[in-house]
């Protein structure tokens, strides 16, 4: 069985909303992958989506709670819980990763799980280039 892929928050939102932000190539890669392994969403992404919605930085098609419940029912999406190991890893990331708590927890989740992280966040992709995790640009 293939390894799960971990989704950065924005990738999850784009995927669930059918956004054009995801290229056809990326969608095909995701579709091919979910036949073999799940897509994992770090638990911190739920908080991040709620905060983005509350601040008006994203507009969801329905109330946040309803949108999240529906999105988490999508086939092949699994919620990756925040474990003590992930919390500790987020506080001790090597290489001077920046201080955004959500990004730190997402990166720590990928590192602890030893799975690739799908993202467009350039700071995370640069961190992956430095060898600290496997990042896949979407």
N, C-alpha and C. Protein backbone atom coordinates (compact mmCIF):
# COMPACT_ATOMS: atom_id res chain seq x y z
N UNK A 1 0.85 -1.20 0.00
CA UNK A 1 0.00 0.00 0.00
C UNK A 1 0.88 1.24 0.00
N UNK A 2 0.48 2.24 -0.75
CA UNK A 2 1.22 3.50 -0.82
C UNK A 2 1.09 4.26 0.49
N UNK A 3 2.01 5.17 0.69
CA UNK A 3 2.00 6.02 1.89
C UNK A 3 0.94 7.11 1.76
N UNK A 4 0.29 7.48 2.84
CA UNK A 4 -0.65 8.60 2.78
C UNK A 4 0.07 9.89 2.38
N UNK A 5 -0.69 10.79 1.80
CA UNK A 5 -0.20 12.14 1.53
C UNK A 5 -0.85 13.07 2.55
N UNK A 6 -0.08 14.02 3.04
CA UNK A 6 -0.61 15.00 3.98
C UNK A 6 -0.90 16.28 3.21
N UNK A 7 -2.07 16.84 3.47
CA UNK A 7 -2.49 18.06 2.77
C UNK A 7 -2.26 19.28 3.65
N UNK A 8 -1.67 20.31 3.06
CA UNK A 8 -1.63 21.60 3.71
C UNK A 8 -3.05 22.17 3.67
N UNK A 9 -3.35 23.07 4.57
CA UNK A 9 -4.71 23.59 4.71
C UNK A 9 -5.26 24.14 3.41
N UNK A 10 -4.47 24.97 2.71
CA UNK A 10 -4.98 25.58 1.48
C UNK A 10 -5.26 24.53 0.41
N UNK A 11 -4.46 23.47 0.35
CA UNK A 11 -4.69 22.42 -0.63
C UNK A 11 -6.02 21.71 -0.33
N UNK A 12 -6.27 21.45 0.94
CA UNK A 12 -7.53 20.82 1.34
C UNK A 12 -8.73 21.69 0.95
N UNK A 13 -8.64 22.98 1.23
CA UNK A 13 -9.73 23.90 0.87
C UNK A 13 -9.94 23.89 -0.63
N UNK A 14 -8.87 24.02 -1.40
CA UNK A 14 -8.99 24.03 -2.86
C UNK A 14 -9.58 22.73 -3.38
N UNK A 15 -9.14 21.61 -2.82
CA UNK A 15 -9.64 20.31 -3.25
C UNK A 15 -11.13 20.17 -2.96
N UNK A 16 -11.53 20.54 -1.77
CA UNK A 16 -12.94 20.41 -1.38
C UNK A 16 -13.84 21.38 -2.14
N UNK A 17 -13.30 22.53 -2.51
CA UNK A 17 -14.09 23.54 -3.23
C UNK A 17 -14.00 23.40 -4.75
N UNK A 18 -13.21 22.44 -5.24
CA UNK A 18 -13.05 22.29 -6.68
C UNK A 18 -12.38 23.49 -7.32
N UNK A 19 -11.48 24.13 -6.58
CA UNK A 19 -10.83 25.36 -7.03
C UNK A 19 -9.90 25.14 -8.21
N UNK A 20 -9.85 26.14 -9.07
CA UNK A 20 -8.91 26.13 -10.20
C UNK A 20 -7.47 26.33 -9.73
N UNK A 21 -7.28 26.63 -8.44
CA UNK A 21 -5.92 26.76 -7.91
C UNK A 21 -5.14 25.46 -8.03
N UNK A 22 -5.86 24.33 -8.06
CA UNK A 22 -5.21 23.04 -8.27
C UNK A 22 -5.20 22.74 -9.76
N UNK A 23 -4.02 22.52 -10.29
CA UNK A 23 -3.89 22.23 -11.72
C UNK A 23 -4.50 20.86 -12.04
N UNK A 24 -4.77 20.65 -13.32
CA UNK A 24 -5.26 19.34 -13.75
C UNK A 24 -4.25 18.25 -13.39
N UNK A 25 -2.97 18.56 -13.56
CA UNK A 25 -1.91 17.60 -13.23
C UNK A 25 -1.97 17.21 -11.76
N UNK A 26 -2.15 18.21 -10.88
CA UNK A 26 -2.22 17.94 -9.45
C UNK A 26 -3.46 17.13 -9.12
N UNK A 27 -4.59 17.49 -9.70
CA UNK A 27 -5.82 16.72 -9.47
C UNK A 27 -5.66 15.27 -9.91
N UNK A 28 -5.04 15.06 -11.06
CA UNK A 28 -4.81 13.69 -11.55
C UNK A 28 -3.89 12.93 -10.60
N UNK A 29 -2.86 13.60 -10.09
CA UNK A 29 -1.95 12.96 -9.14
C UNK A 29 -2.70 12.57 -7.87
N UNK A 30 -3.54 13.48 -7.37
CA UNK A 30 -4.32 13.20 -6.16
C UNK A 30 -5.29 12.05 -6.42
N UNK A 31 -6.00 12.09 -7.54
CA UNK A 31 -6.95 11.03 -7.88
C UNK A 31 -6.26 9.67 -7.97
N UNK A 32 -5.10 9.64 -8.60
CA UNK A 32 -4.37 8.37 -8.70
C UNK A 32 -3.91 7.89 -7.33
N UNK A 33 -3.51 8.84 -6.49
CA UNK A 33 -3.00 8.47 -5.17
C UNK A 33 -4.09 7.90 -4.28
N UNK A 34 -5.27 8.49 -4.29
CA UNK A 34 -6.32 8.06 -3.36
C UNK A 34 -6.84 6.66 -3.67
N UNK A 35 -6.49 6.13 -4.82
CA UNK A 35 -6.84 4.73 -5.10
C UNK A 35 -5.98 3.78 -4.30
N UNK A 36 -4.84 4.29 -3.81
CA UNK A 36 -3.87 3.44 -3.10
C UNK A 36 -3.72 3.78 -1.62
N UNK A 37 -3.95 5.03 -1.26
CA UNK A 37 -3.71 5.47 0.13
C UNK A 37 -4.53 6.72 0.42
N UNK A 38 -4.78 6.98 1.70
CA UNK A 38 -5.59 8.14 2.06
C UNK A 38 -4.84 9.46 1.95
N UNK A 39 -5.63 10.52 1.99
CA UNK A 39 -5.13 11.88 2.14
C UNK A 39 -5.34 12.24 3.60
N UNK A 40 -4.30 12.73 4.24
CA UNK A 40 -4.38 13.06 5.66
C UNK A 40 -4.44 14.57 5.84
N UNK A 41 -5.32 15.00 6.72
CA UNK A 41 -5.45 16.41 7.06
C UNK A 41 -5.06 16.60 8.51
N UNK A 42 -3.98 17.36 8.78
CA UNK A 42 -3.61 17.62 10.17
C UNK A 42 -4.74 18.33 10.91
N UNK A 43 -4.97 17.93 12.15
CA UNK A 43 -6.07 18.48 12.95
C UNK A 43 -5.99 20.01 13.05
N UNK A 44 -4.79 20.57 13.07
CA UNK A 44 -4.65 22.02 13.20
C UNK A 44 -5.32 22.74 12.02
N UNK A 45 -5.47 22.06 10.89
CA UNK A 45 -6.10 22.68 9.73
C UNK A 45 -7.56 23.03 10.00
N UNK A 46 -8.22 22.30 10.87
CA UNK A 46 -9.61 22.63 11.23
C UNK A 46 -9.65 23.99 11.90
N UNK A 47 -8.74 24.20 12.83
CA UNK A 47 -8.64 25.49 13.52
C UNK A 47 -8.29 26.59 12.52
N UNK A 48 -7.34 26.30 11.64
CA UNK A 48 -6.90 27.31 10.68
C UNK A 48 -8.04 27.71 9.74
N UNK A 49 -8.82 26.74 9.28
CA UNK A 49 -9.96 27.04 8.41
C UNK A 49 -10.99 27.89 9.17
N UNK A 50 -11.26 27.52 10.40
CA UNK A 50 -12.22 28.29 11.21
C UNK A 50 -11.74 29.73 11.40
N UNK A 51 -10.45 29.90 11.67
CA UNK A 51 -9.89 31.25 11.85
C UNK A 51 -9.93 32.04 10.55
N UNK A 52 -9.59 31.42 9.44
CA UNK A 52 -9.62 32.11 8.14
C UNK A 52 -11.04 32.54 7.79
N UNK A 53 -12.00 31.67 8.08
CA UNK A 53 -13.39 32.00 7.81
C UNK A 53 -13.88 33.12 8.73
N UNK A 54 -13.57 33.02 10.01
CA UNK A 54 -14.01 34.04 10.98
C UNK A 54 -13.44 35.42 10.65
N UNK A 55 -12.22 35.44 10.11
CA UNK A 55 -11.59 36.73 9.79
C UNK A 55 -11.97 37.25 8.40
N UNK A 56 -12.72 36.44 7.64
CA UNK A 56 -13.12 36.86 6.30
C UNK A 56 -12.06 36.63 5.23
N UNK A 57 -10.96 35.96 5.57
CA UNK A 57 -9.90 35.70 4.59
C UNK A 57 -10.29 34.62 3.60
N UNK A 58 -11.24 33.75 4.00
CA UNK A 58 -11.84 32.81 3.05
C UNK A 58 -13.35 32.88 3.23
N UNK A 59 -14.06 32.59 2.16
CA UNK A 59 -15.52 32.54 2.19
C UNK A 59 -15.90 31.10 1.87
N UNK A 60 -16.58 30.46 2.80
CA UNK A 60 -17.03 29.09 2.59
C UNK A 60 -18.47 29.12 2.08
N UNK A 61 -18.87 28.06 1.42
CA UNK A 61 -20.20 27.99 0.81
C UNK A 61 -21.32 27.77 1.82
N UNK A 62 -20.95 27.48 3.07
CA UNK A 62 -21.93 27.25 4.13
C UNK A 62 -21.26 27.56 5.45
N UNK A 63 -21.99 27.55 6.55
CA UNK A 63 -21.36 27.80 7.84
C UNK A 63 -20.15 26.88 8.07
N UNK A 64 -19.15 27.40 8.74
CA UNK A 64 -17.88 26.69 8.90
C UNK A 64 -18.06 25.28 9.44
N UNK A 65 -18.85 25.12 10.48
CA UNK A 65 -19.06 23.79 11.06
C UNK A 65 -19.63 22.82 10.03
N UNK A 66 -20.63 23.27 9.28
CA UNK A 66 -21.24 22.42 8.26
C UNK A 66 -20.24 22.10 7.15
N UNK A 67 -19.49 23.12 6.71
CA UNK A 67 -18.51 22.92 5.64
C UNK A 67 -17.47 21.89 6.07
N UNK A 68 -16.94 22.05 7.29
CA UNK A 68 -15.92 21.12 7.78
C UNK A 68 -16.46 19.70 7.92
N UNK A 69 -17.65 19.57 8.49
CA UNK A 69 -18.23 18.22 8.65
C UNK A 69 -18.41 17.54 7.30
N UNK A 70 -18.91 18.28 6.33
CA UNK A 70 -19.10 17.72 5.00
C UNK A 70 -17.76 17.38 4.34
N UNK A 71 -16.80 18.27 4.43
CA UNK A 71 -15.49 18.04 3.81
C UNK A 71 -14.80 16.83 4.42
N UNK A 72 -14.94 16.63 5.71
CA UNK A 72 -14.28 15.50 6.37
C UNK A 72 -14.96 14.17 6.05
N UNK A 73 -16.15 14.21 5.46
CA UNK A 73 -16.82 12.99 5.03
C UNK A 73 -16.39 12.55 3.64
N UNK A 74 -15.59 13.36 2.95
CA UNK A 74 -15.15 13.03 1.60
C UNK A 74 -14.35 11.73 1.62
N UNK A 75 -14.55 10.90 0.59
CA UNK A 75 -13.78 9.65 0.54
C UNK A 75 -12.28 9.92 0.54
N UNK A 76 -11.56 9.08 1.20
CA UNK A 76 -10.09 9.09 1.24
C UNK A 76 -9.51 10.20 2.12
N UNK A 77 -10.33 11.03 2.76
CA UNK A 77 -9.81 12.06 3.66
C UNK A 77 -9.84 11.52 5.08
N UNK A 78 -8.70 11.57 5.74
CA UNK A 78 -8.61 11.13 7.13
C UNK A 78 -8.01 12.27 7.96
N UNK A 79 -8.57 12.49 9.11
CA UNK A 79 -8.06 13.51 10.02
C UNK A 79 -6.86 12.95 10.77
N UNK A 80 -5.77 13.68 10.74
CA UNK A 80 -4.55 13.28 11.44
C UNK A 80 -4.54 13.99 12.80
N UNK A 81 -4.71 13.25 13.88
CA UNK A 81 -4.82 13.89 15.20
C UNK A 81 -3.52 14.57 15.62
N UNK A 82 -3.68 15.55 16.49
CA UNK A 82 -2.53 16.22 17.10
C UNK A 82 -2.09 15.36 18.28
N UNK A 83 -0.95 14.74 18.12
CA UNK A 83 -0.43 13.85 19.16
C UNK A 83 0.64 14.58 19.97
N UNK A 84 0.99 14.05 21.15
CA UNK A 84 2.10 14.65 21.90
C UNK A 84 3.39 14.69 21.08
N UNK A 85 3.65 13.64 20.30
CA UNK A 85 4.86 13.61 19.48
C UNK A 85 4.89 14.75 18.45
N UNK A 86 3.75 15.00 17.82
CA UNK A 86 3.66 16.09 16.84
C UNK A 86 3.83 17.44 17.54
N UNK A 87 3.19 17.61 18.69
CA UNK A 87 3.32 18.87 19.43
C UNK A 87 4.77 19.14 19.80
N UNK A 88 5.46 18.12 20.28
CA UNK A 88 6.86 18.28 20.67
C UNK A 88 7.73 18.55 19.45
N UNK A 89 7.49 17.82 18.38
CA UNK A 89 8.26 18.03 17.14
C UNK A 89 8.08 19.47 16.64
N UNK A 90 6.85 20.00 16.73
CA UNK A 90 6.60 21.36 16.24
C UNK A 90 7.40 22.40 17.01
N UNK A 91 7.68 22.11 18.26
CA UNK A 91 8.46 23.04 19.09
C UNK A 91 9.96 22.90 18.86
N UNK A 92 10.37 21.82 18.21
CA UNK A 92 11.80 21.53 18.05
C UNK A 92 12.19 21.29 16.59
N UNK A 93 11.51 21.94 15.66
CA UNK A 93 11.84 21.73 14.25
C UNK A 93 13.27 22.17 13.97
N UNK A 94 14.04 21.33 13.30
CA UNK A 94 15.41 21.71 12.97
C UNK A 94 15.44 22.75 11.86
N UNK A 95 16.53 23.44 11.74
CA UNK A 95 16.76 24.32 10.61
C UNK A 95 16.13 25.69 10.69
N UNK A 96 15.66 26.10 11.83
CA UNK A 96 15.15 27.45 11.97
C UNK A 96 13.86 27.73 11.22
N UNK A 97 12.94 26.80 11.21
CA UNK A 97 11.65 27.02 10.54
C UNK A 97 10.93 28.18 11.20
N UNK A 98 10.15 28.93 10.43
CA UNK A 98 9.49 30.14 10.92
C UNK A 98 8.49 29.83 12.04
N UNK A 99 7.94 30.86 12.67
CA UNK A 99 7.18 30.72 13.89
C UNK A 99 5.68 30.53 13.78
N UNK A 100 5.10 30.51 12.58
CA UNK A 100 3.65 30.35 12.47
C UNK A 100 3.22 29.01 13.07
N UNK A 101 2.38 29.03 14.12
CA UNK A 101 2.04 27.79 14.82
C UNK A 101 1.35 26.76 13.93
N UNK A 102 0.44 27.19 13.06
CA UNK A 102 -0.25 26.22 12.21
C UNK A 102 0.73 25.56 11.25
N UNK A 103 1.58 26.35 10.60
CA UNK A 103 2.58 25.77 9.70
C UNK A 103 3.52 24.84 10.45
N UNK A 104 3.93 25.22 11.63
CA UNK A 104 4.83 24.36 12.43
C UNK A 104 4.18 23.02 12.73
N UNK A 105 2.89 23.03 13.09
CA UNK A 105 2.19 21.78 13.40
C UNK A 105 1.95 20.94 12.15
N UNK A 106 1.69 21.58 11.02
CA UNK A 106 1.51 20.84 9.77
C UNK A 106 2.82 20.19 9.35
N UNK A 107 3.90 20.95 9.39
CA UNK A 107 5.22 20.41 9.04
C UNK A 107 5.61 19.30 10.01
N UNK A 108 5.38 19.51 11.29
CA UNK A 108 5.69 18.48 12.29
C UNK A 108 4.88 17.21 12.03
N UNK A 109 3.62 17.37 11.64
CA UNK A 109 2.80 16.20 11.32
C UNK A 109 3.41 15.39 10.18
N UNK A 110 3.86 16.08 9.14
CA UNK A 110 4.49 15.39 8.00
C UNK A 110 5.80 14.73 8.41
N UNK A 111 6.57 15.41 9.25
CA UNK A 111 7.84 14.83 9.70
C UNK A 111 7.61 13.59 10.57
N UNK A 112 6.70 13.69 11.52
CA UNK A 112 6.45 12.56 12.42
C UNK A 112 5.89 11.37 11.65
N UNK A 113 4.96 11.65 10.73
CA UNK A 113 4.36 10.57 9.94
C UNK A 113 5.30 10.06 8.84
N UNK A 114 6.31 10.86 8.52
CA UNK A 114 7.26 10.55 7.45
C UNK A 114 6.55 10.38 6.10
N UNK A 115 5.63 11.33 5.86
CA UNK A 115 4.89 11.34 4.60
C UNK A 115 5.10 12.67 3.89
N UNK A 116 4.88 12.66 2.59
CA UNK A 116 4.98 13.88 1.80
C UNK A 116 3.85 14.83 2.13
N UNK A 117 4.15 16.12 2.05
CA UNK A 117 3.19 17.19 2.32
C UNK A 117 2.89 17.92 1.02
N UNK A 118 1.62 17.95 0.63
CA UNK A 118 1.21 18.69 -0.56
C UNK A 118 0.97 20.13 -0.17
N UNK A 119 1.69 21.05 -0.79
CA UNK A 119 1.60 22.47 -0.43
C UNK A 119 2.01 23.35 -1.59
N UNK A 120 1.60 24.61 -1.51
CA UNK A 120 2.12 25.63 -2.41
C UNK A 120 2.87 26.68 -1.59
N UNK A 121 2.95 26.50 -0.30
CA UNK A 121 3.61 27.45 0.60
C UNK A 121 5.12 27.40 0.33
N UNK A 122 5.66 28.51 -0.19
CA UNK A 122 7.06 28.52 -0.58
C UNK A 122 8.00 28.32 0.60
N UNK A 123 7.64 28.83 1.77
CA UNK A 123 8.52 28.64 2.94
C UNK A 123 8.61 27.16 3.31
N UNK A 124 7.51 26.44 3.18
CA UNK A 124 7.53 25.00 3.46
C UNK A 124 8.30 24.27 2.38
N UNK A 125 8.11 24.65 1.12
CA UNK A 125 8.84 24.01 0.03
C UNK A 125 10.35 24.26 0.16
N UNK A 126 10.73 25.46 0.58
CA UNK A 126 12.15 25.74 0.81
C UNK A 126 12.70 24.87 1.94
N UNK A 127 11.90 24.69 2.97
CA UNK A 127 12.29 23.83 4.10
C UNK A 127 12.49 22.39 3.62
N UNK A 128 11.61 21.95 2.72
CA UNK A 128 11.75 20.61 2.15
C UNK A 128 13.03 20.52 1.29
N UNK A 129 13.30 21.57 0.52
CA UNK A 129 14.53 21.58 -0.30
C UNK A 129 15.78 21.46 0.56
N UNK A 130 15.70 21.99 1.77
CA UNK A 130 16.83 21.90 2.70
C UNK A 130 16.94 20.51 3.33
N UNK A 131 16.01 19.60 2.97
CA UNK A 131 16.10 18.21 3.41
C UNK A 131 15.38 17.88 4.70
N UNK A 132 14.56 18.80 5.19
CA UNK A 132 13.90 18.56 6.48
C UNK A 132 12.57 17.83 6.37
N UNK A 133 12.01 17.76 5.17
CA UNK A 133 10.80 16.98 4.95
C UNK A 133 10.61 16.80 3.47
N UNK A 134 9.66 15.93 3.11
CA UNK A 134 9.32 15.73 1.71
C UNK A 134 8.12 16.61 1.40
N UNK A 135 8.34 17.61 0.57
CA UNK A 135 7.27 18.52 0.19
C UNK A 135 6.99 18.36 -1.29
N UNK A 136 5.73 18.38 -1.66
CA UNK A 136 5.34 18.28 -3.06
C UNK A 136 4.60 19.54 -3.44
N UNK A 137 5.10 20.23 -4.45
CA UNK A 137 4.46 21.47 -4.89
C UNK A 137 3.21 21.16 -5.68
N UNK A 138 2.15 21.89 -5.37
CA UNK A 138 0.89 21.72 -6.11
C UNK A 138 0.65 22.93 -6.98
